[in-house]
Amino acid sequence: LLAALQGQARGARVVLLAPVSDLAEAARL
């Protein structure tokens, strides 16, 4: 969802549930 929104200037209200978003840290762990 974040990747789809990046750079789109959509101005949405976003709710992230238990997100996995930082792929460098997620891969490290």
PDB file of all heavy atoms in Angstrom:
ATOM      1  N   LEU A   1       0.829  -1.196   0.000  1.00  0.00           N
ATOM      2  CA  LEU A   1       0.000   0.000   0.000  1.00  0.00           C
ATOM      3  C   LEU A   1       0.868   1.253   0.000  1.00  0.00           C
ATOM      4  O   LEU A   1       0.626   2.187  -0.783  1.00  0.00           O
ATOM      5  CB  LEU A   1      -0.918  -0.014   1.222  1.00  0.00           C
ATOM      6  CG  LEU A   1      -1.802   1.215   1.411  1.00  0.00           C
ATOM      7  CD1 LEU A   1      -2.702   1.436   0.210  1.00  0.00           C
ATOM      8  CD2 LEU A   1      -2.619   1.083   2.692  1.00  0.00           C
ATOM      9  N   LEU A   2       1.879   1.298   0.848  1.00  0.00           N
ATOM     10  CA  LEU A   2       2.766   2.463   0.888  1.00  0.00           C
ATOM     11  C   LEU A   2       3.489   2.647  -0.441  1.00  0.00           C
ATOM     12  O   LEU A   2       3.642   3.773  -0.927  1.00  0.00           O
ATOM     13  CB  LEU A   2       3.776   2.313   2.022  1.00  0.00           C
ATOM     14  CG  LEU A   2       3.207   2.353   3.449  1.00  0.00           C
ATOM     15  CD1 LEU A   2       4.318   2.082   4.456  1.00  0.00           C
ATOM     16  CD2 LEU A   2       2.549   3.690   3.736  1.00  0.00           C
ATOM     17  N   ALA A   3       3.937   1.544  -1.027  1.00  0.00           N
ATOM     18  CA  ALA A   3       4.627   1.635  -2.320  1.00  0.00           C
ATOM     19  C   ALA A   3       3.683   2.154  -3.401  1.00  0.00           C
ATOM     20  O   ALA A   3       4.094   2.920  -4.285  1.00  0.00           O
ATOM     21  CB  ALA A   3       5.188   0.272  -2.711  1.00  0.00           C
ATOM     22  N   ALA A   4       2.419   1.744  -3.347  1.00  0.00           N
ATOM     23  CA  ALA A   4       1.440   2.207  -4.332  1.00  0.00           C
ATOM     24  C   ALA A   4       1.132   3.680  -4.158  1.00  0.00           C
ATOM     25  O   ALA A   4       0.804   4.377  -5.131  1.00  0.00           O
ATOM     26  CB  ALA A   4       0.161   1.386  -4.213  1.00  0.00           C
ATOM     27  N   LEU A   5       1.246   4.193  -2.928  1.00  0.00           N
ATOM     28  CA  LEU A   5       0.916   5.594  -2.646  1.00  0.00           C
ATOM     29  C   LEU A   5       2.088   6.539  -2.880  1.00  0.00           C
ATOM     30  O   LEU A   5       1.881   7.738  -3.112  1.00  0.00           O
ATOM     31  CB  LEU A   5       0.457   5.735  -1.193  1.00  0.00           C
ATOM     32  CG  LEU A   5      -0.890   5.111  -0.835  1.00  0.00           C
ATOM     33  CD1 LEU A   5      -1.142   5.249   0.664  1.00  0.00           C
ATOM     34  CD2 LEU A   5      -2.000   5.769  -1.624  1.00  0.00           C
ATOM     35  N   GLN A   6       3.300   6.011  -2.800  1.00  0.00           N
ATOM     36  CA  GLN A   6       4.486   6.873  -2.863  1.00  0.00           C
ATOM     37  C   GLN A   6       4.492   7.711  -4.136  1.00  0.00           C
ATOM     38  O   GLN A   6       4.380   7.197  -5.247  1.00  0.00           O
ATOM     39  CB  GLN A   6       5.752   6.020  -2.802  1.00  0.00           C
ATOM     40  CG  GLN A   6       7.048   6.834  -2.812  1.00  0.00           C
ATOM     41  CD  GLN A   6       8.261   5.956  -2.607  1.00  0.00           C
ATOM     42  OE1 GLN A   6       8.659   5.678  -1.492  1.00  0.00           O
ATOM     43  NE2 GLN A   6       8.853   5.489  -3.707  1.00  0.00           N
ATOM     44  N   GLY A   7       4.597   9.029  -3.949  1.00  0.00           N
ATOM     45  CA  GLY A   7       4.694   9.942  -5.079  1.00  0.00           C
ATOM     46  C   GLY A   7       3.391  10.243  -5.780  1.00  0.00           C
ATOM     47  O   GLY A   7       3.379  10.932  -6.802  1.00  0.00           O
ATOM     48  N   GLN A   8       2.258   9.789  -5.216  1.00  0.00           N
ATOM     49  CA  GLN A   8       0.970   9.974  -5.880  1.00  0.00           C
ATOM     50  C   GLN A   8       0.203  11.200  -5.387  1.00  0.00           C
ATOM     51  O   GLN A   8      -0.821  11.569  -5.972  1.00  0.00           O
ATOM     52  CB  GLN A   8       0.102   8.732  -5.694  1.00  0.00           C
ATOM     53  CG  GLN A   8       0.699   7.471  -6.297  1.00  0.00           C
ATOM     54  CD  GLN A   8       0.925   7.617  -7.790  1.00  0.00           C
ATOM     55  OE1 GLN A   8      -0.023   7.755  -8.562  1.00  0.00           O
ATOM     56  NE2 GLN A   8       2.187   7.589  -8.197  1.00  0.00           N
ATOM     57  N   ALA A   9       0.661  11.814  -4.304  1.00  0.00           N
ATOM     58  CA  ALA A   9       0.001  13.004  -3.745  1.00  0.00           C
ATOM     59  C   ALA A   9      -1.497  12.776  -3.560  1.00  0.00           C
ATOM     60  O   ALA A   9      -2.322  13.638  -3.872  1.00  0.00           O
ATOM     61  CB  ALA A   9       0.253  14.226  -4.629  1.00  0.00           C
ATOM     62  N   ARG A  10      -1.847  11.639  -3.031  1.00  0.00           N
ATOM     63  CA  ARG A  10      -3.254  11.259  -2.889  1.00  0.00           C
ATOM     64  C   ARG A  10      -3.913  11.891  -1.664  1.00  0.00           C
ATOM     65  O   ARG A  10      -5.119  12.075  -1.616  1.00  0.00           O
ATOM     66  CB  ARG A  10      -3.353   9.733  -2.829  1.00  0.00           C
ATOM     67  CG  ARG A  10      -4.767   9.173  -2.892  1.00  0.00           C
ATOM     68  CD  ARG A  10      -4.760   7.671  -2.754  1.00  0.00           C
ATOM     69  NE  ARG A  10      -6.097   7.097  -2.773  1.00  0.00           N
ATOM     70  CZ  ARG A  10      -6.660   6.546  -3.831  1.00  0.00           C
ATOM     71  NH1 ARG A  10      -5.984   6.506  -4.974  1.00  0.00           N
ATOM     72  NH2 ARG A  10      -7.879   6.048  -3.778  1.00  0.00           N
ATOM     73  N   GLY A  11      -3.110  12.202  -0.635  1.00  0.00           N
ATOM     74  CA  GLY A  11      -3.660  12.822   0.566  1.00  0.00           C
ATOM     75  C   GLY A  11      -4.616  11.941   1.333  1.00  0.00           C
ATOM     76  O   GLY A  11      -5.555  12.414   1.972  1.00  0.00           O
ATOM     77  N   ALA A  12      -4.398  10.637   1.306  1.00  0.00           N
ATOM     78  CA  ALA A  12      -5.334   9.685   1.904  1.00  0.00           C
ATOM     79  C   ALA A  12      -5.127   9.565   3.408  1.00  0.00           C
ATOM     80  O   ALA A  12      -4.069   9.886   3.954  1.00  0.00           O
ATOM     81  CB  ALA A  12      -5.152   8.320   1.255  1.00  0.00           C
ATOM     82  N   ARG A  13      -6.166   9.061   4.077  1.00  0.00           N
ATOM     83  CA  ARG A  13      -6.026   8.617   5.464  1.00  0.00           C
ATOM     84  C   ARG A  13      -5.637   7.144   5.416  1.00  0.00           C
ATOM     85  O   ARG A  13      -6.345   6.328   4.826  1.00  0.00           O
ATOM     86  CB  ARG A  13      -7.316   8.824   6.245  1.00  0.00           C
ATOM     87  CG  ARG A  13      -7.186   8.454   7.721  1.00  0.00           C
ATOM     88  CD  ARG A  13      -8.245   9.153   8.559  1.00  0.00           C
ATOM     89  NE  ARG A  13      -9.578   8.662   8.290  1.00  0.00           N
ATOM     90  CZ  ARG A  13     -10.144   7.617   8.908  1.00  0.00           C
ATOM     91  NH1 ARG A  13      -9.445   6.931   9.804  1.00  0.00           N
ATOM     92  NH2 ARG A  13     -11.378   7.252   8.622  1.00  0.00           N
ATOM     93  N   VAL A  14      -4.508   6.801   6.023  1.00  0.00           N
ATOM     94  CA  VAL A  14      -3.909   5.477   5.905  1.00  0.00           C
ATOM     95  C   VAL A  14      -3.849   4.819   7.280  1.00  0.00           C
ATOM     96  O   VAL A  14      -3.463   5.455   8.266  1.00  0.00           O
ATOM     97  CB  VAL A  14      -2.494   5.579   5.296  1.00  0.00           C
ATOM     98  CG1 VAL A  14      -1.819   4.210   5.238  1.00  0.00           C
ATOM     99  CG2 VAL A  14      -2.556   6.213   3.912  1.00  0.00           C
ATOM    100  N   VAL A  15      -4.219   3.543   7.322  1.00  0.00           N
ATOM    101  CA  VAL A  15      -4.119   2.748   8.550  1.00  0.00           C
ATOM    102  C   VAL A  15      -3.285   1.514   8.225  1.00  0.00           C
ATOM    103  O   VAL A  15      -3.627   0.742   7.325  1.00  0.00           O
ATOM    104  CB  VAL A  15      -5.509   2.333   9.073  1.00  0.00           C
ATOM    105  CG1 VAL A  15      -5.363   1.488  10.339  1.00  0.00           C
ATOM    106  CG2 VAL A  15      -6.372   3.565   9.354  1.00  0.00           C
ATOM    107  N   LEU A  16      -2.199   1.331   8.962  1.00  0.00           N
ATOM    108  CA  LEU A  16      -1.295   0.203   8.749  1.00  0.00           C
ATOM    109  C   LEU A  16      -1.394  -0.738   9.940  1.00  0.00           C
ATOM    110  O   LEU A  16      -1.144  -0.329  11.083  1.00  0.00           O
ATOM    111  CB  LEU A  16       0.146   0.690   8.584  1.00  0.00           C
ATOM    112  CG  LEU A  16       0.390   1.761   7.509  1.00  0.00           C
ATOM    113  CD1 LEU A  16       1.852   2.170   7.503  1.00  0.00           C
ATOM    114  CD2 LEU A  16      -0.042   1.263   6.137  1.00  0.00           C
ATOM    115  N   LEU A  17      -1.747  -1.980   9.689  1.00  0.00           N
ATOM    116  CA  LEU A  17      -1.941  -2.967  10.739  1.00  0.00           C
ATOM    117  C   LEU A  17      -0.764  -3.935  10.761  1.00  0.00           C
ATOM    118  O   LEU A  17      -0.513  -4.641   9.779  1.00  0.00           O
ATOM    119  CB  LEU A  17      -3.244  -3.742  10.490  1.00  0.00           C
ATOM    120  CG  LEU A  17      -4.506  -2.901  10.254  1.00  0.00           C
ATOM    121  CD1 LEU A  17      -5.683  -3.806   9.897  1.00  0.00           C
ATOM    122  CD2 LEU A  17      -4.811  -2.040  11.462  1.00  0.00           C
ATOM    123  N   ALA A  18      -0.024  -3.947  11.876  1.00  0.00           N
ATOM    124  CA  ALA A  18       1.151  -4.817  12.007  1.00  0.00           C
ATOM    125  C   ALA A  18       2.013  -4.756  10.747  1.00  0.00           C
ATOM    126  O   ALA A  18       2.309  -5.779  10.128  1.00  0.00           O
ATOM    127  CB  ALA A  18       0.729  -6.255  12.290  1.00  0.00           C
ATOM    128  N   PRO A  19       2.461  -3.557  10.350  1.00  0.00           N
ATOM    129  CA  PRO A  19       3.123  -3.425   9.046  1.00  0.00           C
ATOM    130  C   PRO A  19       4.522  -4.022   8.986  1.00  0.00           C
ATOM    131  O   PRO A  19       5.261  -4.010   9.961  1.00  0.00           O
ATOM    132  CB  PRO A  19       3.184  -1.902   8.858  1.00  0.00           C
ATOM    133  CG  PRO A  19       3.220  -1.348  10.248  1.00  0.00           C
ATOM    134  CD  PRO A  19       2.331  -2.264  11.046  1.00  0.00           C
ATOM    135  N   VAL A  20       4.831  -4.551   7.808  1.00  0.00           N
ATOM    136  CA  VAL A  20       6.198  -4.919   7.437  1.00  0.00           C
ATOM    137  C   VAL A  20       6.551  -3.984   6.294  1.00  0.00           C
ATOM    138  O   VAL A  20       6.179  -4.217   5.145  1.00  0.00           O
ATOM    139  CB  VAL A  20       6.305  -6.384   6.992  1.00  0.00           C
ATOM    140  CG1 VAL A  20       7.734  -6.714   6.563  1.00  0.00           C
ATOM    141  CG2 VAL A  20       5.846  -7.318   8.090  1.00  0.00           C
ATOM    142  N   SER A  21       7.239  -2.892   6.582  1.00  0.00           N
ATOM    143  CA  SER A  21       7.467  -1.869   5.560  1.00  0.00           C
ATOM    144  C   SER A  21       8.935  -1.556   5.307  1.00  0.00           C
ATOM    145  O   SER A  21       9.297  -1.185   4.191  1.00  0.00           O
ATOM    146  CB  SER A  21       6.727  -0.574   5.925  1.00  0.00           C
ATOM    147  OG  SER A  21       7.098  -0.112   7.215  1.00  0.00           O
ATOM    148  N   ASP A  22       9.777  -1.692   6.320  1.00  0.00           N
ATOM    149  CA  ASP A  22      11.207  -1.464   6.131  1.00  0.00           C
ATOM    150  C   ASP A  22      11.849  -2.790   5.729  1.00  0.00           C
ATOM    151  O   ASP A  22      12.092  -3.660   6.560  1.00  0.00           O
ATOM    152  CB  ASP A  22      11.837  -0.926   7.420  1.00  0.00           C
ATOM    153  CG  ASP A  22      13.283  -0.511   7.232  1.00  0.00           C
ATOM    154  OD1 ASP A  22      14.058  -1.272   6.598  1.00  0.00           O
ATOM    155  OD2 ASP A  22      13.664   0.577   7.711  1.00  0.00           O
ATOM    156  N   LEU A  23      12.102  -2.949   4.434  1.00  0.00           N
ATOM    157  CA  LEU A  23      12.529  -4.260   3.947  1.00  0.00           C
ATOM    158  C   LEU A  23      13.967  -4.590   4.319  1.00  0.00           C
ATOM    159  O   LEU A  23      14.303  -5.770   4.454  1.00  0.00           O
ATOM    160  CB  LEU A  23      12.331  -4.340   2.431  1.00  0.00           C
ATOM    161  CG  LEU A  23      10.889  -4.188   1.946  1.00  0.00           C
ATOM    162  CD1 LEU A  23      10.755  -4.661   0.508  1.00  0.00           C
ATOM    163  CD2 LEU A  23       9.910  -4.931   2.839  1.00  0.00           C
ATOM    164  N   ALA A  24      14.813  -3.593   4.505  1.00  0.00           N
ATOM    165  CA  ALA A  24      16.183  -3.878   4.932  1.00  0.00           C
ATOM    166  C   ALA A  24      16.190  -4.476   6.330  1.00  0.00           C
ATOM    167  O   ALA A  24      16.845  -5.501   6.590  1.00  0.00           O
ATOM    168  CB  ALA A  24      17.020  -2.598   4.880  1.00  0.00           C
ATOM    169  N   GLU A  25      15.454  -3.861   7.239  1.00  0.00           N
ATOM    170  CA  GLU A  25      15.414  -4.357   8.609  1.00  0.00           C
ATOM    171  C   GLU A  25      14.642  -5.681   8.691  1.00  0.00           C
ATOM    172  O   GLU A  25      15.042  -6.593   9.425  1.00  0.00           O
ATOM    173  CB  GLU A  25      14.759  -3.318   9.526  1.00  0.00           C
ATOM    174  CG  GLU A  25      14.763  -3.675  11.000  1.00  0.00           C
ATOM    175  CD  GLU A  25      16.145  -3.724  11.630  1.00  0.00           C
ATOM    176  OE1 GLU A  25      17.139  -3.372  10.945  1.00  0.00           O
ATOM    177  OE2 GLU A  25      16.240  -4.127  12.804  1.00  0.00           O
ATOM    178  N   ALA A  26      13.569  -5.811   7.926  1.00  0.00           N
ATOM    179  CA  ALA A  26      12.810  -7.064   7.924  1.00  0.00           C
ATOM    180  C   ALA A  26      13.668  -8.218   7.418  1.00  0.00           C
ATOM    181  O   ALA A  26      13.614  -9.332   7.951  1.00  0.00           O
ATOM    182  CB  ALA A  26      11.555  -6.913   7.077  1.00  0.00           C
ATOM    183  N   ALA A  27      14.482  -7.963   6.396  1.00  0.00           N
ATOM    184  CA  ALA A  27      15.374  -9.001   5.884  1.00  0.00           C
ATOM    185  C   ALA A  27      16.438  -9.354   6.906  1.00  0.00           C
ATOM    186  O   ALA A  27      16.762 -10.531   7.116  1.00  0.00           O
ATOM    187  CB  ALA A  27      16.012  -8.537   4.579  1.00  0.00           C
ATOM    188  N   ARG A  28      16.983  -8.340   7.579  1.00  0.00           N
ATOM    189  CA  ARG A  28      18.013  -8.589   8.592  1.00  0.00           C
ATOM    190  C   ARG A  28      17.470  -9.464   9.713  1.00  0.00           C
ATOM    191  O   ARG A  28      18.191 -10.343  10.236  1.00  0.00           O
ATOM    192  CB  ARG A  28      18.512  -7.259   9.167  1.00  0.00           C
ATOM    193  CG  ARG A  28      19.699  -7.396  10.116  1.00  0.00           C
ATOM    194  CD  ARG A  28      20.060  -6.078  10.768  1.00  0.00           C
ATOM    195  NE  ARG A  28      19.091  -5.668  11.770  1.00  0.00           N
ATOM    196  CZ  ARG A  28      19.063  -6.130  13.024  1.00  0.00           C
ATOM    197  NH1 ARG A  28      19.960  -7.032  13.419  1.00  0.00           N
ATOM    198  NH2 ARG A  28      18.164  -5.702  13.873  1.00  0.00           N
ATOM    199  N   LEU A  29      16.209  -9.256  10.072  1.00  0.00           N
ATOM    200  CA  LEU A  29      15.601 -10.013  11.154  1.00  0.00           C
ATOM    201  C   LEU A  29      15.044 -11.353  10.698  1.00  0.00           C
ATOM    202  O   LEU A  29      14.585 -12.146  11.519  1.00  0.00           O
ATOM    203  CB  LEU A  29      14.474  -9.180  11.786  1.00  0.00           C
ATOM    204  CG  LEU A  29      14.912  -7.917  12.530  1.00  0.00           C
ATOM    205  CD1 LEU A  29      13.685  -7.084  12.919  1.00  0.00           C
ATOM    206  CD2 LEU A  29      15.734  -8.262  13.753  1.00  0.00           C
TER     207      LEU A  29
END
